[in-house]
Amino acid sequence: MATTTTPGEIKVSSKAWVKSILSFVLVLCTMPLGHAMMILMEHFISPQWLPNAAFAMGAFGLVFAICGVFLKKETPQTIMGLIGALLLWTGWVEFLFMYYAQRFGAHPEIVNGVISTSTEYINGIASQPQMFLNGEPVAHIQDIKPLVVTRPEYLLMPASFGMWVTVMLLYIFNVRTGCNFINWCQKLFFGKKREEIVTKGMTRHPAIVTFIETMMLLWTCYLVLMFCYDPRFLGETHPVTIALGIGCLVGAFFIFRKQLRLHQWGPNIRMAIANVIVIWTPVEILGRNDMLNEIWVAPLEHITEMVVVLVTFIAIGTYLALQKKKSRGH
């Protein structure tokens, strides 16, 4: 079997390269597909039923992840955790923020112009929110898509920073984990007392580990990006924001190097999740600065490209299923 050598004289087989690349591409496909799914739901489902559909999606994601716990193999558990997290994030995080943003008249951030909203309250319940751009009524946010810089649900997301810190405290002080970032924080804060303060880990279920990892990484990256984009903090063209994108791009190569050392599909896919979400940060920054055409935010205008992404995802998923079936046969 052919091998190559990475820095540090670590021999990597061609099989490890194939496995790592396939894991990376599999997870990478979920990013545009997730964005496109949200846009398509807004387009095809009436506003009256959209919150119900989104809630059902989040509930299905939760059930998906929990059912993964009862599977025997690590790779299926990992896939169940990943899909469950993406469905729950879309249904119970993004759509839930969207629901309350629309219900109470939060408006998007736009390039130029005057935007305002009005909300009618009946018996203390907000209803019939209306949006106006330069005094003209706007029926749907999609009608002013070229002017929208940030949708209202993402503008509200930084308000969850306190909850994010709370969850991070739990992991930093209470959990022995394989996460390199958490381990680095524990070594930084606790030093030699780490073994005394953090004595043991939680019960390990790959489905739940993958689920929490995906949720926390998405949450963290969105918070970082929203704070960076805010002109009161930095701004989208600020050198720190650009440096963040470059740093994440460089860091992705180091994560992939670690991924090459993971010979089992389950751990390899979990490392790919971290890699993809990290590398998606510069993708978001490039799109924000109009340096990248984000086809996934307009899937109906890029049907061919999105079909290619979907077919690629299905093909790799099928390959994984066949590989596991083949290994059981032996």
C-alpha atoms as a PDB file:
ATOM      1  CA  MET A   1       0.000   0.000   0.000  1.00  0.00           C
ATOM      2  CA  ALA A   2       1.374   3.402  -0.939  1.00  0.00           C
ATOM      3  CA  THR A   3       2.308   5.730   1.891  1.00  0.00           C
ATOM      4  CA  THR A   4       3.285   9.356   2.236  1.00  0.00           C
ATOM      5  CA  THR A   5       4.998  11.180   5.062  1.00  0.00           C
ATOM      6  CA  THR A   6       3.592  14.201   6.847  1.00  0.00           C
ATOM      7  CA  PRO A   7       5.726  16.548   8.990  1.00  0.00           C
ATOM      8  CA  GLY A   8       7.005  14.728  12.049  1.00  0.00           C
ATOM      9  CA  GLU A   9       7.808  11.562  10.027  1.00  0.00           C
ATOM     10  CA  ILE A  10       4.303  10.142  10.403  1.00  0.00           C
ATOM     11  CA  LYS A  11       3.559   7.657   7.626  1.00  0.00           C
ATOM     12  CA  VAL A  12       0.109   8.032   6.135  1.00  0.00           C
ATOM     13  CA  SER A  13      -1.333   5.378   3.839  1.00  0.00           C
ATOM     14  CA  SER A  14      -3.249   6.192   0.677  1.00  0.00           C
ATOM     15  CA  LYS A  15      -6.261   4.537   2.335  1.00  0.00           C
ATOM     16  CA  ALA A  16      -6.088   7.108   5.150  1.00  0.00           C
ATOM     17  CA  TRP A  17      -6.068   9.919   2.586  1.00  0.00           C
ATOM     18  CA  VAL A  18      -9.126   8.498   0.822  1.00  0.00           C
ATOM     19  CA  LYS A  19     -10.988   8.005   4.099  1.00  0.00           C
ATOM     20  CA  SER A  20     -10.177  11.507   5.351  1.00  0.00           C
ATOM     21  CA  ILE A  21     -11.078  13.206   2.067  1.00  0.00           C
ATOM     22  CA  LEU A  22     -14.373  11.320   1.807  1.00  0.00           C
ATOM     23  CA  SER A  23     -15.248  12.177   5.424  1.00  0.00           C
ATOM     24  CA  PHE A  24     -14.419  15.828   4.789  1.00  0.00           C
ATOM     25  CA  VAL A  25     -16.463  16.027   1.578  1.00  0.00           C
ATOM     26  CA  LEU A  26     -19.392  14.188   3.201  1.00  0.00           C
ATOM     27  CA  VAL A  27     -19.599  16.729   6.022  1.00  0.00           C
ATOM     28  CA  LEU A  28     -18.810  19.648   3.698  1.00  0.00           C
ATOM     29  CA  CYS A  29     -21.868  18.802   1.589  1.00  0.00           C
ATOM     30  CA  THR A  30     -24.117  19.230   4.628  1.00  0.00           C
ATOM     31  CA  MET A  31     -23.277  22.946   4.892  1.00  0.00           C
ATOM     32  CA  PRO A  32     -24.756  24.142   1.568  1.00  0.00           C
ATOM     33  CA  LEU A  33     -27.521  21.530   1.784  1.00  0.00           C
ATOM     34  CA  GLY A  34     -28.549  22.799   5.226  1.00  0.00           C
ATOM     35  CA  HIS A  35     -28.629  26.419   4.053  1.00  0.00           C
ATOM     36  CA  ALA A  36     -30.543  25.472   0.913  1.00  0.00           C
ATOM     37  CA  MET A  37     -33.081  23.422   2.874  1.00  0.00           C
ATOM     38  CA  MET A  38     -33.897  26.427   5.047  1.00  0.00           C
ATOM     39  CA  ILE A  39     -34.350  28.687   2.000  1.00  0.00           C
ATOM     40  CA  LEU A  40     -36.531  26.116   0.221  1.00  0.00           C
ATOM     41  CA  MET A  41     -38.740  25.662   3.289  1.00  0.00           C
ATOM     42  CA  GLU A  42     -39.314  29.416   3.397  1.00  0.00           C
ATOM     43  CA  HIS A  43     -40.123  29.398  -0.314  1.00  0.00           C
ATOM     44  CA  PHE A  44     -42.490  26.424  -0.511  1.00  0.00           C
ATOM     45  CA  ILE A  45     -44.151  26.332   2.933  1.00  0.00           C
ATOM     46  CA  SER A  46     -46.694  29.016   3.773  1.00  0.00           C
ATOM     47  CA  PRO A  47     -45.781  31.358   6.649  1.00  0.00           C
ATOM     48  CA  GLN A  48     -48.738  29.973   8.610  1.00  0.00           C
ATOM     49  CA  TRP A  49     -47.325  26.433   8.619  1.00  0.00           C
ATOM     50  CA  LEU A  50     -43.603  27.182   8.542  1.00  0.00           C
ATOM     51  CA  PRO A  51     -43.154  27.325  12.362  1.00  0.00           C
ATOM     52  CA  ASN A  52     -44.907  23.955  12.707  1.00  0.00           C
ATOM     53  CA  ALA A  53     -42.718  22.389  10.021  1.00  0.00           C
ATOM     54  CA  ALA A  54     -39.587  23.830  11.631  1.00  0.00           C
ATOM     55  CA  PHE A  55     -40.593  22.552  15.074  1.00  0.00           C
ATOM     56  CA  ALA A  56     -41.241  19.099  13.625  1.00  0.00           C
ATOM     57  CA  MET A  57     -37.822  19.177  11.957  1.00  0.00           C
ATOM     58  CA  GLY A  58     -36.096  20.004  15.250  1.00  0.00           C
ATOM     59  CA  ALA A  59     -38.030  17.293  17.083  1.00  0.00           C
ATOM     60  CA  PHE A  60     -37.105  14.775  14.408  1.00  0.00           C
ATOM     61  CA  GLY A  61     -33.438  15.772  14.772  1.00  0.00           C
ATOM     62  CA  LEU A  62     -33.594  15.227  18.529  1.00  0.00           C
ATOM     63  CA  VAL A  63     -35.191  11.798  18.096  1.00  0.00           C
ATOM     64  CA  PHE A  64     -32.633  10.960  15.414  1.00  0.00           C
ATOM     65  CA  ALA A  65     -29.720  11.681  17.751  1.00  0.00           C
ATOM     66  CA  ILE A  66     -31.271   9.788  20.679  1.00  0.00           C
ATOM     67  CA  CYS A  67     -32.018   6.749  18.503  1.00  0.00           C
ATOM     68  CA  GLY A  68     -28.364   6.766  17.480  1.00  0.00           C
ATOM     69  CA  VAL A  69     -27.395   5.932  21.063  1.00  0.00           C
ATOM     70  CA  PHE A  70     -28.951   2.489  20.704  1.00  0.00           C
ATOM     71  CA  LEU A  71     -26.998   1.535  17.589  1.00  0.00           C
ATOM     72  CA  LYS A  72     -24.071  -0.805  18.150  1.00  0.00           C
ATOM     73  CA  LYS A  73     -21.554   0.546  15.641  1.00  0.00           C
ATOM     74  CA  GLU A  74     -19.696   3.822  16.111  1.00  0.00           C
ATOM     75  CA  THR A  75     -19.954   5.032  12.510  1.00  0.00           C
ATOM     76  CA  PRO A  76     -23.786   4.844  12.297  1.00  0.00           C
ATOM     77  CA  GLN A  77     -23.960   6.524  15.707  1.00  0.00           C
ATOM     78  CA  THR A  78     -21.747   9.334  14.419  1.00  0.00           C
ATOM     79  CA  ILE A  79     -23.869   9.829  11.295  1.00  0.00           C
ATOM     80  CA  MET A  80     -27.076   9.839  13.362  1.00  0.00           C
ATOM     81  CA  GLY A  81     -25.610  12.426  15.727  1.00  0.00           C
ATOM     82  CA  LEU A  82     -24.485  14.646  12.844  1.00  0.00           C
ATOM     83  CA  ILE A  83     -27.809  14.567  10.997  1.00  0.00           C
ATOM     84  CA  GLY A  84     -29.731  15.011  14.247  1.00  0.00           C
ATOM     85  CA  ALA A  85     -27.681  18.073  15.174  1.00  0.00           C
ATOM     86  CA  LEU A  86     -28.114  19.696  11.762  1.00  0.00           C
ATOM     87  CA  LEU A  87     -31.873  19.135  11.812  1.00  0.00           C
ATOM     88  CA  LEU A  88     -32.239  20.422  15.370  1.00  0.00           C
ATOM     89  CA  TRP A  89     -30.009  23.436  14.693  1.00  0.00           C
ATOM     90  CA  THR A  90     -32.056  24.375  11.638  1.00  0.00           C
ATOM     91  CA  GLY A  91     -35.455  23.692  13.187  1.00  0.00           C
ATOM     92  CA  TRP A  92     -35.064  24.742  16.813  1.00  0.00           C
ATOM     93  CA  VAL A  93     -32.322  27.357  16.600  1.00  0.00           C
ATOM     94  CA  GLU A  94     -32.357  29.171  13.267  1.00  0.00           C
ATOM     95  CA  PHE A  95     -36.079  28.881  12.567  1.00  0.00           C
ATOM     96  CA  LEU A  96     -36.975  29.591  16.200  1.00  0.00           C
ATOM     97  CA  PHE A  97     -34.917  32.796  16.159  1.00  0.00           C
ATOM     98  CA  MET A  98     -36.568  33.619  12.822  1.00  0.00           C
ATOM     99  CA  TYR A  99     -40.051  33.037  14.248  1.00  0.00           C
ATOM    100  CA  TYR A 100     -39.583  35.419  17.157  1.00  0.00           C
ATOM    101  CA  ALA A 101     -37.718  37.961  15.026  1.00  0.00           C
ATOM    102  CA  GLN A 102     -40.643  38.091  12.596  1.00  0.00           C
ATOM    103  CA  ARG A 103     -43.306  37.931  15.281  1.00  0.00           C
ATOM    104  CA  PHE A 104     -41.961  40.945  17.163  1.00  0.00           C
ATOM    105  CA  GLY A 105     -40.888  42.949  14.134  1.00  0.00           C
ATOM    106  CA  ALA A 106     -37.100  42.666  14.230  1.00  0.00           C
ATOM    107  CA  HIS A 107     -35.734  43.844  10.907  1.00  0.00           C
ATOM    108  CA  PRO A 108     -32.652  42.790   8.926  1.00  0.00           C
ATOM    109  CA  GLU A 109     -29.421  44.695   8.516  1.00  0.00           C
ATOM    110  CA  ILE A 110     -29.319  46.240   5.041  1.00  0.00           C
ATOM    111  CA  VAL A 111     -26.702  47.905   2.831  1.00  0.00           C
ATOM    112  CA  ASN A 112     -28.430  51.263   2.319  1.00  0.00           C
ATOM    113  CA  GLY A 113     -31.813  52.777   3.009  1.00  0.00           C
ATOM    114  CA  VAL A 114     -34.235  53.259   5.870  1.00  0.00           C
ATOM    115  CA  ILE A 115     -35.928  50.136   7.170  1.00  0.00           C
ATOM    116  CA  SER A 116     -38.667  50.098   9.782  1.00  0.00           C
ATOM    117  CA  THR A 117     -41.184  47.686  11.213  1.00  0.00           C
ATOM    118  CA  SER A 118     -44.559  47.967  12.875  1.00  0.00           C
ATOM    119  CA  THR A 119     -46.360  45.342  14.927  1.00  0.00           C
ATOM    120  CA  GLU A 120     -50.020  45.312  15.928  1.00  0.00           C
ATOM    121  CA  TYR A 121     -50.814  43.921  19.378  1.00  0.00           C
ATOM    122  CA  ILE A 122     -54.200  42.345  20.112  1.00  0.00           C
ATOM    123  CA  ASN A 123     -54.815  41.361  23.748  1.00  0.00           C
ATOM    124  CA  GLY A 124     -51.080  41.438  24.363  1.00  0.00           C
ATOM    125  CA  ILE A 125     -50.281  39.154  21.430  1.00  0.00           C
ATOM    126  CA  ALA A 126     -48.154  40.474  18.576  1.00  0.00           C
ATOM    127  CA  SER A 127     -49.719  39.952  15.171  1.00  0.00           C
ATOM    128  CA  GLN A 128     -49.463  41.246  11.617  1.00  0.00           C
ATOM    129  CA  PRO A 129     -45.884  42.577  11.730  1.00  0.00           C
ATOM    130  CA  GLN A 130     -45.130  44.784   8.736  1.00  0.00           C
ATOM    131  CA  MET A 131     -41.782  45.814   7.279  1.00  0.00           C
ATOM    132  CA  PHE A 132     -41.118  48.998   5.321  1.00  0.00           C
ATOM    133  CA  LEU A 133     -38.119  49.957   3.179  1.00  0.00           C
ATOM    134  CA  ASN A 134     -37.854  53.694   2.521  1.00  0.00           C
ATOM    135  CA  GLY A 135     -41.532  53.956   3.420  1.00  0.00           C
ATOM    136  CA  GLU A 136     -42.658  51.240   0.994  1.00  0.00           C
ATOM    137  CA  PRO A 137     -44.168  48.010   2.393  1.00  0.00           C
ATOM    138  CA  VAL A 138     -42.137  44.802   2.010  1.00  0.00           C
ATOM    139  CA  ALA A 139     -44.172  41.607   1.682  1.00  0.00           C
ATOM    140  CA  HIS A 140     -41.281  39.209   2.356  1.00  0.00           C
ATOM    141  CA  ILE A 141     -37.611  39.526   3.211  1.00  0.00           C
ATOM    142  CA  GLN A 142     -36.763  37.649  -0.003  1.00  0.00           C
ATOM    143  CA  ASP A 143     -38.099  40.641  -1.946  1.00  0.00           C
ATOM    144  CA  ILE A 144     -35.193  42.772  -0.712  1.00  0.00           C
ATOM    145  CA  LYS A 145     -32.586  39.992  -0.704  1.00  0.00           C
ATOM    146  CA  PRO A 146     -29.943  42.005  -2.654  1.00  0.00           C
ATOM    147  CA  LEU A 147     -30.009  44.675   0.064  1.00  0.00           C
ATOM    148  CA  VAL A 148     -29.953  42.328   3.072  1.00  0.00           C
ATOM    149  CA  VAL A 149     -26.582  41.983   4.778  1.00  0.00           C
ATOM    150  CA  THR A 150     -27.708  39.975   7.818  1.00  0.00           C
ATOM    151  CA  ARG A 151     -31.078  38.377   8.431  1.00  0.00           C
ATOM    152  CA  PRO A 152     -32.819  39.361  11.706  1.00  0.00           C
ATOM    153  CA  GLU A 153     -32.549  35.897  13.297  1.00  0.00           C
ATOM    154  CA  TYR A 154     -28.745  36.073  13.139  1.00  0.00           C
ATOM    155  CA  LEU A 155     -28.721  39.600  14.545  1.00  0.00           C
ATOM    156  CA  LEU A 156     -30.477  38.209  17.638  1.00  0.00           C
ATOM    157  CA  MET A 157     -28.135  35.250  18.054  1.00  0.00           C
ATOM    158  CA  PRO A 158     -25.363  37.125  19.970  1.00  0.00           C
ATOM    159  CA  ALA A 159     -27.891  37.542  22.792  1.00  0.00           C
ATOM    160  CA  SER A 160     -27.293  33.848  23.558  1.00  0.00           C
ATOM    161  CA  PHE A 161     -23.659  34.543  24.513  1.00  0.00           C
ATOM    162  CA  GLY A 162     -24.343  34.132  28.241  1.00  0.00           C
ATOM    163  CA  MET A 163     -25.868  30.690  27.696  1.00  0.00           C
ATOM    164  CA  TRP A 164     -22.883  29.719  25.550  1.00  0.00           C
ATOM    165  CA  VAL A 165     -20.496  30.692  28.365  1.00  0.00           C
ATOM    166  CA  THR A 166     -22.582  28.643  30.817  1.00  0.00           C
ATOM    167  CA  VAL A 167     -22.304  25.504  28.683  1.00  0.00           C
ATOM    168  CA  MET A 168     -18.586  26.073  28.108  1.00  0.00           C
ATOM    169  CA  LEU A 169     -18.013  26.307  31.872  1.00  0.00           C
ATOM    170  CA  LEU A 170     -19.584  22.878  32.263  1.00  0.00           C
ATOM    171  CA  TYR A 171     -17.179  21.357  29.750  1.00  0.00           C
ATOM    172  CA  ILE A 172     -14.062  23.195  30.907  1.00  0.00           C
ATOM    173  CA  PHE A 173     -14.511  22.465  34.629  1.00  0.00           C
ATOM    174  CA  ASN A 174     -16.387  19.159  34.656  1.00  0.00           C
ATOM    175  CA  VAL A 175     -15.551  17.046  31.616  1.00  0.00           C
ATOM    176  CA  ARG A 176     -12.520  15.086  30.473  1.00  0.00           C
ATOM    177  CA  THR A 177     -12.862  15.133  26.720  1.00  0.00           C
ATOM    178  CA  GLY A 178     -11.013  14.409  23.509  1.00  0.00           C
ATOM    179  CA  CYS A 179     -11.702  17.918  22.179  1.00  0.00           C
ATOM    180  CA  ASN A 180      -8.360  19.640  21.577  1.00  0.00           C
ATOM    181  CA  PHE A 181      -9.816  23.100  22.213  1.00  0.00           C
ATOM    182  CA  ILE A 182     -11.344  22.113  25.558  1.00  0.00           C
ATOM    183  CA  ASN A 183      -8.120  20.355  26.557  1.00  0.00           C
ATOM    184  CA  TRP A 184      -6.132  23.464  25.655  1.00  0.00           C
ATOM    185  CA  CYS A 185      -8.459  25.652  27.768  1.00  0.00           C
ATOM    186  CA  GLN A 186      -8.126  23.280  30.718  1.00  0.00           C
ATOM    187  CA  LYS A 187      -4.334  23.296  30.485  1.00  0.00           C
ATOM    188  CA  LEU A 188      -4.311  27.085  30.135  1.00  0.00           C
ATOM    189  CA  PHE A 189      -6.608  27.765  33.098  1.00  0.00           C
ATOM    190  CA  PHE A 190      -5.690  24.931  35.452  1.00  0.00           C
ATOM    191  CA  GLY A 191      -2.090  24.081  34.581  1.00  0.00           C
ATOM    192  CA  LYS A 192      -0.742  21.313  36.789  1.00  0.00           C
ATOM    193  CA  LYS A 193      -3.989  21.208  38.807  1.00  0.00           C
ATOM    194  CA  ARG A 194      -5.967  19.975  35.823  1.00  0.00           C
ATOM    195  CA  GLU A 195      -5.936  16.377  37.076  1.00  0.00           C
ATOM    196  CA  GLU A 196      -7.365  17.515  40.429  1.00  0.00           C
ATOM    197  CA  ILE A 197     -10.086  19.770  39.008  1.00  0.00           C
ATOM    198  CA  VAL A 198     -11.226  17.697  36.029  1.00  0.00           C
ATOM    199  CA  THR A 199     -11.162  14.108  37.220  1.00  0.00           C
ATOM    200  CA  LYS A 200     -13.424  12.175  34.851  1.00  0.00           C
ATOM    201  CA  GLY A 201     -15.570  12.371  31.753  1.00  0.00           C
ATOM    202  CA  MET A 202     -19.237  11.794  31.044  1.00  0.00           C
ATOM    203  CA  THR A 203     -20.720   8.560  29.783  1.00  0.00           C
ATOM    204  CA  ARG A 204     -19.614   8.309  26.171  1.00  0.00           C
ATOM    205  CA  HIS A 205     -22.150   7.799  23.394  1.00  0.00           C
ATOM    206  CA  PRO A 206     -20.728   8.661  19.936  1.00  0.00           C
ATOM    207  CA  ALA A 207     -24.146   9.840  18.714  1.00  0.00           C
ATOM    208  CA  ILE A 208     -24.510  12.339  21.564  1.00  0.00           C
ATOM    209  CA  VAL A 209     -20.833  13.334  21.397  1.00  0.00           C
ATOM    210  CA  THR A 210     -21.242  14.113  17.694  1.00  0.00           C
ATOM    211  CA  PHE A 211     -24.548  15.879  18.321  1.00  0.00           C
ATOM    212  CA  ILE A 212     -23.129  18.163  21.025  1.00  0.00           C
ATOM    213  CA  GLU A 213     -19.882  18.745  19.110  1.00  0.00           C
ATOM    214  CA  THR A 214     -21.757  19.878  16.011  1.00  0.00           C
ATOM    215  CA  MET A 215     -24.150  22.114  17.950  1.00  0.00           C
ATOM    216  CA  MET A 216     -21.398  23.767  19.995  1.00  0.00           C
ATOM    217  CA  LEU A 217     -19.145  24.341  16.981  1.00  0.00           C
ATOM    218  CA  LEU A 218     -21.956  25.904  14.964  1.00  0.00           C
ATOM    219  CA  TRP A 219     -22.998  28.045  17.925  1.00  0.00           C
ATOM    220  CA  THR A 220     -19.436  29.183  18.611  1.00  0.00           C
ATOM    221  CA  CYS A 221     -18.646  30.073  15.006  1.00  0.00           C
ATOM    222  CA  TYR A 222     -21.905  31.980  14.540  1.00  0.00           C
ATOM    223  CA  LEU A 223     -21.288  33.985  17.712  1.00  0.00           C
ATOM    224  CA  VAL A 224     -17.723  34.806  16.676  1.00  0.00           C
ATOM    225  CA  LEU A 225     -18.835  35.888  13.207  1.00  0.00           C
ATOM    226  CA  MET A 226     -21.743  37.995  14.464  1.00  0.00           C
ATOM    227  CA  PHE A 227     -19.535  39.828  16.958  1.00  0.00           C
ATOM    228  CA  CYS A 228     -16.876  40.369  14.281  1.00  0.00           C
ATOM    229  CA  TYR A 229     -19.410  41.679  11.750  1.00  0.00           C
ATOM    230  CA  ASP A 230     -20.903  44.134  14.236  1.00  0.00           C
ATOM    231  CA  PRO A 231     -19.388  47.561  13.399  1.00  0.00           C
ATOM    232  CA  ARG A 232     -19.616  48.511  17.076  1.00  0.00           C
ATOM    233  CA  PHE A 233     -17.054  45.799  17.786  1.00  0.00           C
ATOM    234  CA  LEU A 234     -14.994  45.246  14.640  1.00  0.00           C
ATOM    235  CA  GLY A 235     -16.801  45.164  11.300  1.00  0.00           C
ATOM    236  CA  GLU A 236     -16.783  42.834   8.324  1.00  0.00           C
ATOM    237  CA  THR A 237     -13.687  44.427   6.731  1.00  0.00           C
ATOM    238  CA  HIS A 238     -11.737  44.887   9.966  1.00  0.00           C
ATOM    239  CA  PRO A 239      -8.213  43.381   9.932  1.00  0.00           C
ATOM    240  CA  VAL A 240      -9.119  41.157  12.892  1.00  0.00           C
ATOM    241  CA  THR A 241     -12.106  39.732  10.992  1.00  0.00           C
ATOM    242  CA  ILE A 242      -9.938  39.046   7.942  1.00  0.00           C
ATOM    243  CA  ALA A 243      -7.223  37.552  10.174  1.00  0.00           C
ATOM    244  CA  LEU A 244      -9.859  35.299  11.747  1.00  0.00           C
ATOM    245  CA  GLY A 245     -10.770  33.946   8.326  1.00  0.00           C
ATOM    246  CA  ILE A 246      -7.138  33.359   7.404  1.00  0.00           C
ATOM    247  CA  GLY A 247      -6.434  31.757  10.779  1.00  0.00           C
ATOM    248  CA  CYS A 248      -9.355  29.353  10.390  1.00  0.00           C
ATOM    249  CA  LEU A 249      -8.224  28.446   6.878  1.00  0.00           C
ATOM    250  CA  VAL A 250      -4.716  27.668   8.099  1.00  0.00           C
ATOM    251  CA  GLY A 251      -6.063  25.841  11.144  1.00  0.00           C
ATOM    252  CA  ALA A 252      -8.158  23.600   8.908  1.00  0.00           C
ATOM    253  CA  PHE A 253      -4.991  22.137   7.399  1.00  0.00           C
ATOM    254  CA  PHE A 254      -3.698  21.203  10.859  1.00  0.00           C
ATOM    255  CA  ILE A 255      -7.052  19.628  11.728  1.00  0.00           C
ATOM    256  CA  PHE A 256      -6.912  17.612   8.510  1.00  0.00           C
ATOM    257  CA  ARG A 257      -3.428  16.458   9.454  1.00  0.00           C
ATOM    258  CA  LYS A 258      -4.872  15.052  12.689  1.00  0.00           C
ATOM    259  CA  GLN A 259      -7.730  13.564  10.708  1.00  0.00           C
ATOM    260  CA  LEU A 260      -5.262  11.512   8.648  1.00  0.00           C
ATOM    261  CA  ARG A 261      -4.186   9.691  11.814  1.00  0.00           C
ATOM    262  CA  LEU A 262      -7.709   8.475  12.605  1.00  0.00           C
ATOM    263  CA  HIS A 263      -8.151   5.091  10.965  1.00  0.00           C
ATOM    264  CA  GLN A 264     -11.783   4.403  11.942  1.00  0.00           C
ATOM    265  CA  TRP A 265     -14.651   6.037  10.076  1.00  0.00           C
ATOM    266  CA  GLY A 266     -16.436   7.293  13.204  1.00  0.00           C
ATOM    267  CA  PRO A 267     -13.579   9.341  14.717  1.00  0.00           C
ATOM    268  CA  ASN A 268     -12.533  10.475  11.237  1.00  0.00           C
ATOM    269  CA  ILE A 269     -15.987  11.865  10.490  1.00  0.00           C
ATOM    270  CA  ARG A 270     -16.128  13.605  13.881  1.00  0.00           C
ATOM    271  CA  MET A 271     -12.808  15.300  13.178  1.00  0.00           C
ATOM    272  CA  ALA A 272     -14.118  16.226   9.724  1.00  0.00           C
ATOM    273  CA  ILE A 273     -17.079  17.971  11.380  1.00  0.00           C
ATOM    274  CA  ALA A 274     -14.720  20.242  13.289  1.00  0.00           C
ATOM    275  CA  ASN A 275     -12.641  20.795  10.163  1.00  0.00           C
ATOM    276  CA  VAL A 276     -15.596  21.716   7.953  1.00  0.00           C
ATOM    277  CA  ILE A 277     -17.172  24.115  10.448  1.00  0.00           C
ATOM    278  CA  VAL A 278     -13.816  25.820  11.003  1.00  0.00           C
ATOM    279  CA  ILE A 279     -13.129  26.129   7.272  1.00  0.00           C
ATOM    280  CA  TRP A 280     -16.679  27.387   6.713  1.00  0.00           C
ATOM    281  CA  THR A 281     -15.783  30.512   8.705  1.00  0.00           C
ATOM    282  CA  PRO A 282     -13.613  32.025   5.930  1.00  0.00           C
ATOM    283  CA  VAL A 283     -16.303  30.956   3.433  1.00  0.00           C
ATOM    284  CA  GLU A 284     -18.836  33.051   5.372  1.00  0.00           C
ATOM    285  CA  ILE A 285     -16.420  35.992   5.586  1.00  0.00           C
ATOM    286  CA  LEU A 286     -15.723  35.862   1.837  1.00  0.00           C
ATOM    287  CA  GLY A 287     -19.442  35.764   1.107  1.00  0.00           C
ATOM    288  CA  ARG A 288     -20.066  38.644   3.490  1.00  0.00           C
ATOM    289  CA  ASN A 289     -17.524  40.772   1.609  1.00  0.00           C
ATOM    290  CA  ASP A 290     -18.992  39.829  -1.814  1.00  0.00           C
ATOM    291  CA  MET A 291     -15.882  37.862  -2.737  1.00  0.00           C
ATOM    292  CA  LEU A 292     -17.740  34.560  -3.095  1.00  0.00           C
ATOM    293  CA  ASN A 293     -21.015  33.640  -4.774  1.00  0.00           C
ATOM    294  CA  GLU A 294     -22.948  31.715  -2.121  1.00  0.00           C
ATOM    295  CA  ILE A 295     -25.094  29.536  -4.382  1.00  0.00           C
ATOM    296  CA  TRP A 296     -26.766  27.860  -1.394  1.00  0.00           C
ATOM    297  CA  VAL A 297     -28.616  31.051  -0.425  1.00  0.00           C
ATOM    298  CA  ALA A 298     -30.358  30.975  -3.822  1.00  0.00           C
ATOM    299  CA  PRO A 299     -30.731  27.240  -4.532  1.00  0.00           C
ATOM    300  CA  LEU A 300     -33.512  27.689  -7.095  1.00  0.00           C
ATOM    301  CA  GLU A 301     -31.133  29.778  -9.194  1.00  0.00           C
ATOM    302  CA  HIS A 302     -28.398  27.123  -8.979  1.00  0.00           C
ATOM    303  CA  ILE A 303     -30.347  23.883  -9.273  1.00  0.00           C
ATOM    304  CA  THR A 304     -27.629  21.989 -11.164  1.00  0.00           C
ATOM    305  CA  GLU A 305     -24.922  22.835  -8.635  1.00  0.00           C
ATOM    306  CA  MET A 306     -27.116  21.954  -5.669  1.00  0.00           C
ATOM    307  CA  VAL A 307     -28.125  18.646  -7.269  1.00  0.00           C
ATOM    308  CA  VAL A 308     -24.429  17.823  -7.722  1.00  0.00           C
ATOM    309  CA  VAL A 309     -23.836  18.528  -4.013  1.00  0.00           C
ATOM    310  CA  LEU A 310     -26.810  16.358  -3.025  1.00  0.00           C
ATOM    311  CA  VAL A 311     -25.748  13.479  -5.300  1.00  0.00           C
ATOM    312  CA  THR A 312     -22.205  13.672  -3.905  1.00  0.00           C
ATOM    313  CA  PHE A 313     -23.538  13.473  -0.349  1.00  0.00           C
ATOM    314  CA  ILE A 314     -25.763  10.493  -1.181  1.00  0.00           C
ATOM    315  CA  ALA A 315     -22.964   8.734  -3.078  1.00  0.00           C
ATOM    316  CA  ILE A 316     -20.486   8.995  -0.204  1.00  0.00           C
ATOM    317  CA  GLY A 317     -23.156   7.979   2.300  1.00  0.00           C
ATOM    318  CA  THR A 318     -23.984   4.935   0.170  1.00  0.00           C
ATOM    319  CA  TYR A 319     -20.298   4.064  -0.084  1.00  0.00           C
ATOM    320  CA  LEU A 320     -19.988   4.194   3.710  1.00  0.00           C
ATOM    321  CA  ALA A 321     -23.017   1.935   4.125  1.00  0.00           C
ATOM    322  CA  LEU A 322     -21.609  -0.577   1.630  1.00  0.00           C
ATOM    323  CA  GLN A 323     -18.207  -0.510   3.331  1.00  0.00           C
ATOM    324  CA  LYS A 324     -19.762  -1.283   6.717  1.00  0.00           C
ATOM    325  CA  LYS A 325     -21.859  -4.068   5.173  1.00  0.00           C
ATOM    326  CA  LYS A 326     -18.743  -5.489   3.514  1.00  0.00           C
ATOM    327  CA  SER A 327     -16.784  -5.394   6.787  1.00  0.00           C
ATOM    328  CA  ARG A 328     -19.603  -7.241   8.586  1.00  0.00           C
ATOM    329  CA  GLY A 329     -19.548  -9.858   5.845  1.00  0.00           C
ATOM    330  CA  HIS A 330     -15.887 -10.547   6.588  1.00  0.00           C
END
